[in-house]
PDB file of N, CA and C in Angstrom:
ATOM      1  N   MET A   1      10.907 -18.478   1.385  1.00  0.00           N
ATOM      2  CA  MET A   1      10.263 -18.535  -0.005  1.00  0.00           C
ATOM      3  C   MET A   1       9.733 -17.681  -1.258  1.00  0.00           C
ATOM      4  N   ILE A   2      10.793 -16.741  -1.592  1.00  0.00           N
ATOM      5  CA  ILE A   2      10.347 -16.670  -2.475  1.00  0.00           C
ATOM      6  C   ILE A   2      10.765 -17.583  -3.809  1.00  0.00           C
ATOM      7  N   ASP A   3      11.555 -18.934  -2.758  1.00  0.00           N
ATOM      8  CA  ASP A   3      11.822 -19.843  -4.383  1.00  0.00           C
ATOM      9  C   ASP A   3      10.844 -20.447  -4.896  1.00  0.00           C
ATOM     10  N   THR A   4      10.060 -20.215  -4.165  1.00  0.00           N
ATOM     11  CA  THR A   4       8.476 -20.965  -5.218  1.00  0.00           C
ATOM     12  C   THR A   4       7.752 -20.113  -6.012  1.00  0.00           C
ATOM     13  N   ILE A   5       6.751 -20.386  -6.662  1.00  0.00           N
ATOM     14  CA  ILE A   5       5.595 -19.457  -7.018  1.00  0.00           C
ATOM     15  C   ILE A   5       4.953 -18.212  -6.781  1.00  0.00           C
ATOM     16  N   ASN A   6       4.446 -18.974  -6.055  1.00  0.00           N
ATOM     17  CA  ASN A   6       3.968 -18.195  -5.272  1.00  0.00           C
ATOM     18  C   ASN A   6       4.270 -17.093  -4.067  1.00  0.00           C
ATOM     19  N   GLY A   7       5.429 -17.437  -3.812  1.00  0.00           N
ATOM     20  CA  GLY A   7       6.486 -16.696  -2.871  1.00  0.00           C
ATOM     21  C   GLY A   7       6.887 -15.571  -4.262  1.00  0.00           C
ATOM     22  N   ALA A   8       7.324 -15.885  -5.024  1.00  0.00           N
ATOM     23  CA  ALA A   8       7.539 -14.486  -6.560  1.00  0.00           C
ATOM     24  C   ALA A   8       6.589 -14.019  -6.609  1.00  0.00           C
ATOM     25  N   LYS A   9       5.859 -14.185  -6.826  1.00  0.00           N
ATOM     26  CA  LYS A   9       4.404 -13.784  -7.126  1.00  0.00           C
ATOM     27  C   LYS A   9       4.011 -12.521  -5.708  1.00  0.00           C
ATOM     28  N   ALA A  10       3.918 -13.156  -4.672  1.00  0.00           N
ATOM     29  CA  ALA A  10       4.334 -11.891  -3.703  1.00  0.00           C
ATOM     30  C   ALA A  10       5.326 -10.916  -3.585  1.00  0.00           C
ATOM     31  N   SER A  11       6.337 -11.708  -3.914  1.00  0.00           N
ATOM     32  CA  SER A  11       7.856 -10.189  -3.976  1.00  0.00           C
ATOM     33  C   SER A  11       7.656  -9.376  -5.124  1.00  0.00           C
ATOM     34  N   ALA A  12       6.568 -10.036  -6.078  1.00  0.00           N
ATOM     35  CA  ALA A  12       6.665  -9.184  -7.563  1.00  0.00           C
ATOM     36  C   ALA A  12       4.881  -7.727  -6.676  1.00  0.00           C
ATOM     37  N   ILE A  13       4.495  -8.359  -6.209  1.00  0.00           N
ATOM     38  CA  ILE A  13       3.378  -7.299  -5.551  1.00  0.00           C
ATOM     39  C   ILE A  13       4.039  -6.806  -4.169  1.00  0.00           C
ATOM     40  N   ILE A  14       4.918  -7.117  -3.870  1.00  0.00           N
ATOM     41  CA  ILE A  14       5.009  -6.061  -2.636  1.00  0.00           C
ATOM     42  C   ILE A  14       5.880  -4.718  -3.294  1.00  0.00           C
ATOM     43  N   TYR A  15       6.541  -5.134  -4.144  1.00  0.00           N
ATOM     44  CA  TYR A  15       7.779  -4.440  -5.192  1.00  0.00           C
ATOM     45  C   TYR A  15       7.155  -3.469  -6.020  1.00  0.00           C
ATOM     46  N   SER A  16       6.645  -4.008  -6.349  1.00  0.00           N
ATOM     47  CA  SER A  16       4.863  -2.917  -7.309  1.00  0.00           C
ATOM     48  C   SER A  16       4.686  -1.978  -6.561  1.00  0.00           C
ATOM     49  N   ILE A  17       3.796  -2.393  -5.198  1.00  0.00           N
ATOM     50  CA  ILE A  17       3.661  -1.318  -4.714  1.00  0.00           C
ATOM     51  C   ILE A  17       4.658  -0.616  -4.125  1.00  0.00           C
ATOM     52  N   ALA A  18       5.729  -1.102  -3.771  1.00  0.00           N
ATOM     53  CA  ALA A  18       6.503   0.045  -3.429  1.00  0.00           C
ATOM     54  C   ALA A  18       7.336   1.326  -4.236  1.00  0.00           C
ATOM     55  N   GLU A  19       7.400   0.511  -5.156  1.00  0.00           N
ATOM     56  CA  GLU A  19       8.201   1.349  -6.314  1.00  0.00           C
ATOM     57  C   GLU A  19       6.710   2.265  -6.935  1.00  0.00           C
ATOM     58  N   THR A  20       5.586   2.044  -6.758  1.00  0.00           N
ATOM     59  CA  THR A  20       4.410   3.114  -7.007  1.00  0.00           C
ATOM     60  C   THR A  20       4.159   3.830  -5.844  1.00  0.00           C
ATOM     61  N   ALA A  21       4.417   3.697  -4.749  1.00  0.00           N
ATOM     62  CA  ALA A  21       4.519   4.837  -3.727  1.00  0.00           C
ATOM     63  C   ALA A  21       5.307   5.483  -4.360  1.00  0.00           C
ATOM     64  N   LYS A  22       6.685   4.962  -4.801  1.00  0.00           N
ATOM     65  CA  LYS A  22       7.697   6.062  -4.902  1.00  0.00           C
ATOM     66  C   LYS A  22       7.228   7.067  -5.884  1.00  0.00           C
ATOM     67  N   ALA A  23       7.185   6.474  -7.068  1.00  0.00           N
ATOM     68  CA  ALA A  23       6.746   7.388  -7.802  1.00  0.00           C
ATOM     69  C   ALA A  23       5.265   8.595  -7.498  1.00  0.00           C
ATOM     70  N   ASN A  24       4.729   8.010  -6.540  1.00  0.00           N
ATOM     71  CA  ASN A  24       3.727   9.012  -6.264  1.00  0.00           C
ATOM     72  C   ASN A  24       4.469   9.669  -5.051  1.00  0.00           C
ATOM     73  N   LYS A  25       5.967   9.688  -4.719  1.00  0.00           N
ATOM     74  CA  LYS A  25       6.059  10.758  -3.754  1.00  0.00           C
ATOM     75  C   LYS A  25       5.897  10.198  -2.431  1.00  0.00           C
ATOM     76  N   LEU A  26       5.570   9.488  -2.280  1.00  0.00           N
ATOM     77  CA  LEU A  26       5.443   8.506  -0.996  1.00  0.00           C
ATOM     78  C   LEU A  26       6.092   7.749   0.089  1.00  0.00           C
ATOM     79  N   ASN A  27       6.525   7.571   0.849  1.00  0.00           N
ATOM     80  CA  ASN A  27       7.567   7.234   1.981  1.00  0.00           C
ATOM     81  C   ASN A  27       6.932   5.515   1.869  1.00  0.00           C
ATOM     82  N   PRO A  28       7.492   4.837   0.996  1.00  0.00           N
ATOM     83  CA  PRO A  28       6.851   2.916   1.130  1.00  0.00           C
ATOM     84  C   PRO A  28       6.879   2.707   2.793  1.00  0.00           C
ATOM     85  N   PHE A  29       7.307   2.424   3.451  1.00  0.00           N
ATOM     86  CA  PHE A  29       7.256   2.060   4.550  1.00  0.00           C
ATOM     87  C   PHE A  29       5.913   2.261   5.552  1.00  0.00           C
ATOM     88  N   ARG A  30       6.255   4.349   5.058  1.00  0.00           N
ATOM     89  CA  ARG A  30       4.962   4.906   5.860  1.00  0.00           C
ATOM     90  C   ARG A  30       3.643   4.837   5.508  1.00  0.00           C
ATOM     91  N   TYR A  31       3.496   4.127   3.475  1.00  0.00           N
ATOM     92  CA  TYR A  31       2.568   3.714   2.590  1.00  0.00           C
ATOM     93  C   TYR A  31       2.049   2.009   3.574  1.00  0.00           C
ATOM     94  N   PHE A  32       3.072   1.278   3.772  1.00  0.00           N
ATOM     95  CA  PHE A  32       2.350  -0.123   3.600  1.00  0.00           C
ATOM     96  C   PHE A  32       1.921  -0.250   5.174  1.00  0.00           C
ATOM     97  N   GLU A  33       2.881   0.596   6.167  1.00  0.00           N
ATOM     98  CA  GLU A  33       2.244   0.595   7.555  1.00  0.00           C
ATOM     99  C   GLU A  33       0.765   0.896   7.382  1.00  0.00           C
ATOM    100  N   TYR A  34       0.251   1.885   6.546  1.00  0.00           N
ATOM    101  CA  TYR A  34      -0.512   2.811   6.931  1.00  0.00           C
ATOM    102  C   TYR A  34      -2.234   1.263   6.038  1.00  0.00           C
ATOM    103  N   LEU A  35      -1.758   0.963   5.421  1.00  0.00           N
ATOM    104  CA  LEU A  35      -2.382   0.108   4.276  1.00  0.00           C
ATOM    105  C   LEU A  35      -2.604  -1.309   5.233  1.00  0.00           C
ATOM    106  N   LEU A  36      -1.477  -1.454   5.654  1.00  0.00           N
ATOM    107  CA  LEU A  36      -1.867  -2.744   7.057  1.00  0.00           C
ATOM    108  C   LEU A  36      -2.447  -2.727   8.641  1.00  0.00           C
ATOM    109  N   THR A  37      -2.914  -0.846   8.543  1.00  0.00           N
ATOM    110  CA  THR A  37      -3.413  -0.847  10.051  1.00  0.00           C
ATOM    111  C   THR A  37      -5.251  -0.665   9.103  1.00  0.00           C
ATOM    112  N   GLU A  38      -5.285  -0.064   7.815  1.00  0.00           N
ATOM    113  CA  GLU A  38      -6.257   0.141   7.881  1.00  0.00           C
ATOM    114  C   GLU A  38      -6.906  -0.458   6.591  1.00  0.00           C
ATOM    115  N   ILE A  39      -6.767  -1.125   6.144  1.00  0.00           N
ATOM    116  CA  ILE A  39      -7.031  -2.578   5.497  1.00  0.00           C
ATOM    117  C   ILE A  39      -8.377  -3.046   6.151  1.00  0.00           C
ATOM    118  N   PRO A  40      -7.798  -3.500   7.720  1.00  0.00           N
ATOM    119  CA  PRO A  40      -8.313  -4.433   8.627  1.00  0.00           C
ATOM    120  C   PRO A  40      -9.649  -4.568   9.056  1.00  0.00           C
ATOM    121  N   GLU A  41      -9.915  -2.336   8.807  1.00  0.00           N
ATOM    122  CA  GLU A  41     -11.286  -2.041   9.433  1.00  0.00           C
ATOM    123  C   GLU A  41     -11.688  -2.477   8.797  1.00  0.00           C
ATOM    124  N   HIS A  42     -11.523  -2.326   6.992  1.00  0.00           N
ATOM    125  CA  HIS A  42     -12.688  -2.621   6.311  1.00  0.00           C
ATOM    126  C   HIS A  42     -12.994  -4.424   5.792  1.00  0.00           C
ATOM    127  N   MET A  43     -12.417  -5.063   6.378  1.00  0.00           N
ATOM    128  CA  MET A  43     -12.732  -6.300   6.421  1.00  0.00           C
ATOM    129  C   MET A  43     -14.045  -7.135   5.391  1.00  0.00           C
ATOM    130  N   ASP A  44     -14.853  -6.557   6.877  1.00  0.00           N
ATOM    131  CA  ASP A  44     -16.366  -6.638   6.587  1.00  0.00           C
ATOM    132  C   ASP A  44     -17.063  -5.854   5.336  1.00  0.00           C
ATOM    133  N   ASP A  45     -17.004  -4.815   5.026  1.00  0.00           N
ATOM    134  CA  ASP A  45     -17.034  -3.946   4.208  1.00  0.00           C
ATOM    135  C   ASP A  45     -17.606  -4.613   2.762  1.00  0.00           C
ATOM    136  N   LYS A  46     -19.196  -4.476   2.205  1.00  0.00           N
ATOM    137  CA  LYS A  46     -19.422  -5.398   1.209  1.00  0.00           C
ATOM    138  C   LYS A  46     -19.297  -4.002   0.117  1.00  0.00           C
ATOM    139  N   ASP A  47     -19.181  -2.653   0.627  1.00  0.00           N
ATOM    140  CA  ASP A  47     -19.429  -1.727  -0.345  1.00  0.00           C
ATOM    141  C   ASP A  47     -17.290  -1.333  -0.451  1.00  0.00           C
ATOM    142  N   LEU A  48     -16.715  -1.610  -1.633  1.00  0.00           N
ATOM    143  CA  LEU A  48     -14.829  -1.660  -1.996  1.00  0.00           C
ATOM    144  C   LEU A  48     -14.808  -0.282  -1.677  1.00  0.00           C
ATOM    145  N   SER A  49     -15.888   0.603  -1.865  1.00  0.00           N
ATOM    146  CA  SER A  49     -15.459   2.042  -2.214  1.00  0.00           C
ATOM    147  C   SER A  49     -14.132   2.396  -1.939  1.00  0.00           C
ATOM    148  N   PHE A  50     -13.944   1.964  -0.955  1.00  0.00           N
ATOM    149  CA  PHE A  50     -12.674   2.543   0.086  1.00  0.00           C
ATOM    150  C   PHE A  50     -11.672   2.257  -0.179  1.00  0.00           C
ATOM    151  N   ILE A  51     -11.059   1.617  -1.708  1.00  0.00           N
ATOM    152  CA  ILE A  51     -10.603   1.315  -1.961  1.00  0.00           C
ATOM    153  C   ILE A  51     -10.234   2.175  -2.741  1.00  0.00           C
ATOM    154  N   GLU A  52     -10.179   3.262  -3.295  1.00  0.00           N
ATOM    155  CA  GLU A  52      -9.923   4.389  -3.693  1.00  0.00           C
ATOM    156  C   GLU A  52      -9.087   5.122  -3.417  1.00  0.00           C
ATOM    157  N   ASP A  53      -9.770   5.016  -1.813  1.00  0.00           N
ATOM    158  CA  ASP A  53      -9.262   6.079  -0.973  1.00  0.00           C
ATOM    159  C   ASP A  53      -7.547   5.619  -0.153  1.00  0.00           C
ATOM    160  N   LEU A  54      -7.180   4.550  -1.179  1.00  0.00           N
ATOM    161  CA  LEU A  54      -6.172   3.319  -0.818  1.00  0.00           C
ATOM    162  C   LEU A  54      -5.469   3.542  -1.613  1.00  0.00           C
ATOM    163  N   LEU A  55      -5.437   3.852  -2.447  1.00  0.00           N
ATOM    164  CA  LEU A  55      -4.464   3.707  -3.477  1.00  0.00           C
ATOM    165  C   LEU A  55      -2.918   4.818  -3.719  1.00  0.00           C
ATOM    166  N   PRO A  56      -1.520   4.916  -4.139  1.00  0.00           N
ATOM    167  CA  PRO A  56      -1.225   5.889  -3.830  1.00  0.00           C
ATOM    168  C   PRO A  56      -1.346   7.266  -4.514  1.00  0.00           C
ATOM    169  N   TRP A  57      -2.118   6.916  -5.217  1.00  0.00           N
ATOM    170  CA  TRP A  57      -2.432   8.762  -6.378  1.00  0.00           C
ATOM    171  C   TRP A  57      -3.667   9.340  -5.472  1.00  0.00           C
ATOM    172  N   SER A  58      -4.045   8.728  -4.659  1.00  0.00           N
ATOM    173  CA  SER A  58      -4.885   9.362  -3.814  1.00  0.00           C
ATOM    174  C   SER A  58      -4.778  10.421  -2.951  1.00  0.00           C
ATOM    175  N   GLU A  59      -5.675  11.417  -2.926  1.00  0.00           N
ATOM    176  CA  GLU A  59      -5.610  12.573  -2.327  1.00  0.00           C
ATOM    177  C   GLU A  59      -5.920  12.861  -0.653  1.00  0.00           C
ATOM    178  N   ASN A  60      -6.474  11.331  -0.703  1.00  0.00           N
ATOM    179  CA  ASN A  60      -7.151  11.662   0.588  1.00  0.00           C
ATOM    180  C   ASN A  60      -6.261  10.766   1.481  1.00  0.00           C
ATOM    181  N   LEU A  61      -5.036  10.422   0.976  1.00  0.00           N
ATOM    182  CA  LEU A  61      -4.692   9.565   2.117  1.00  0.00           C
ATOM    183  C   LEU A  61      -3.809  10.769   2.904  1.00  0.00           C
ATOM    184  N   PRO A  62      -3.429  10.561   4.621  1.00  0.00           N
ATOM    185  CA  PRO A  62      -2.640  10.581   5.472  1.00  0.00           C
ATOM    186  C   PRO A  62      -1.575  11.337   5.066  1.00  0.00           C
ATOM    187  N   ASP A  63      -1.165  12.720   5.955  1.00  0.00           N
ATOM    188  CA  ASP A  63      -0.068  13.153   5.397  1.00  0.00           C
ATOM    189  C   ASP A  63       1.223  12.409   5.815  1.00  0.00           C
ATOM    190  N   ILE A  64       1.308  11.459   6.558  1.00  0.00           N
ATOM    191  CA  ILE A  64       2.303  10.935   7.157  1.00  0.00           C
ATOM    192  C   ILE A  64       2.784   9.547   6.406  1.00  0.00           C
ATOM    193  N   CYS A  65       2.247   9.551   4.803  1.00  0.00           N
ATOM    194  CA  CYS A  65       2.237   8.575   3.866  1.00  0.00           C
ATOM    195  C   CYS A  65       3.244   9.198   3.517  1.00  0.00           C
ATOM    196  N   ARG A  66       2.933  10.793   2.768  1.00  0.00           N
ATOM    197  CA  ARG A  66       3.799  11.578   2.031  1.00  0.00           C
ATOM    198  C   ARG A  66       5.422  12.410   3.069  1.00  0.00           C
ATOM    199  N   GLN A  67       5.536  12.123   4.220  1.00  0.00           N
ATOM    200  CA  GLN A  67       6.612  12.064   4.917  1.00  0.00           C
ATOM    201  C   GLN A  67       7.936  11.448   3.965  1.00  0.00           C
ATOM    202  N   LYS A  68       9.381  12.207   3.969  1.00  0.00           N
ATOM    203  CA  LYS A  68      10.128  11.895   3.215  1.00  0.00           C
ATOM    204  C   LYS A  68      10.697  10.791   4.293  1.00  0.00           C
ATOM    205  N   MET A  69      11.403   9.775   3.676  1.00  0.00           N
ATOM    206  CA  MET A  69      11.934   8.716   4.103  1.00  0.00           C
ATOM    207  C   MET A  69      13.148   9.138   5.125  1.00  0.00           C
ATOM    208  N   GLU A  70      13.212   8.211   5.858  1.00  0.00           N
ATOM    209  CA  GLU A  70      14.259   8.727   6.888  1.00  0.00           C
ATOM    210  C   GLU A  70      15.455   8.231   6.800  1.00  0.00           C
TER     211      GLU A  70
END
Protein backbone atom coordinates (compact mmCIF):
# COMPACT_ATOMS: atom_id res chain seq x y z
CA MET A 1 0.00 0.00 0.00
CA ILE A 2 3.00 2.27 0.11
CA ASP A 3 2.77 2.42 -3.68
CA THR A 4 -0.10 4.90 -3.33
CA ILE A 5 0.06 8.58 -2.39
CA ASN A 6 -1.73 7.95 0.91
CA GLY A 7 0.47 4.95 1.66
CA ALA A 8 3.59 6.99 1.01
CA LYS A 9 2.31 9.76 3.30
CA ALA A 10 1.51 7.25 6.05
CA SER A 11 4.98 5.68 5.72
CA ALA A 12 6.61 9.11 5.93
CA ILE A 13 4.67 9.92 9.10
CA ILE A 14 5.63 6.61 10.75
CA TYR A 15 9.28 7.04 9.73
CA SER A 16 9.30 10.60 11.05
CA ILE A 17 7.88 9.53 14.43
CA ALA A 18 10.41 6.69 14.68
CA GLU A 19 13.36 8.95 13.87
CA THR A 20 12.15 11.64 16.28
CA ALA A 21 11.86 8.98 18.98
CA LYS A 22 15.45 7.88 18.30
CA ALA A 23 16.65 11.50 18.37
CA ASN A 24 15.10 11.78 21.83
CA LYS A 25 16.83 8.59 22.99
CA LEU A 26 13.65 6.52 23.04
CA ASN A 27 13.22 2.92 22.01
CA PRO A 28 10.98 3.35 18.91
CA PHE A 29 9.21 0.00 19.39
CA ARG A 30 8.39 0.72 23.04
CA TYR A 31 7.35 4.29 22.16
CA PHE A 32 4.97 3.13 19.41
CA GLU A 33 3.61 0.45 21.72
CA TYR A 34 2.94 3.09 24.39
CA LEU A 35 1.27 5.45 21.90
CA LEU A 36 -0.95 2.70 20.52
CA THR A 37 -2.15 1.73 23.98
CA GLU A 38 -2.44 5.23 25.42
CA ILE A 39 -4.17 7.13 22.60
CA PRO A 40 -7.30 4.91 22.55
CA GLU A 41 -7.80 5.70 26.23
CA HIS A 42 -8.42 9.33 25.25
CA MET A 43 -10.69 8.91 22.22
CA ASP A 44 -13.63 10.58 23.94
CA ASP A 45 -11.63 13.40 25.51
CA LYS A 46 -12.60 16.92 24.48
CA ASP A 47 -9.48 18.31 26.15
CA LEU A 48 -6.47 17.36 24.04
CA SER A 49 -3.85 18.52 26.55
CA PHE A 50 -2.90 14.85 27.12
CA ILE A 51 -1.06 14.98 23.81
CA GLU A 52 1.73 17.03 25.39
CA ASP A 53 2.55 14.05 27.60
CA LEU A 54 2.86 11.77 24.57
CA LEU A 55 5.43 13.79 22.67
CA PRO A 56 8.85 12.13 22.39
CA TRP A 57 10.55 14.87 24.40
CA SER A 58 8.02 14.73 27.25
CA GLU A 59 9.50 14.02 30.65
CA ASN A 60 6.20 12.29 31.52
CA LEU A 61 6.80 9.29 29.26
CA PRO A 62 7.16 6.00 31.14
CA ASP A 63 10.65 4.62 31.64
CA ILE A 64 9.88 1.66 29.40
CA CYS A 65 9.99 4.02 26.41
CA ARG A 66 13.55 4.91 27.37
CA GLN A 67 14.85 1.33 27.48
CA LYS A 68 17.67 0.51 25.11
CA MET A 69 16.77 -1.47 22.02
CA GLU A 70 17.37 -5.19 22.45
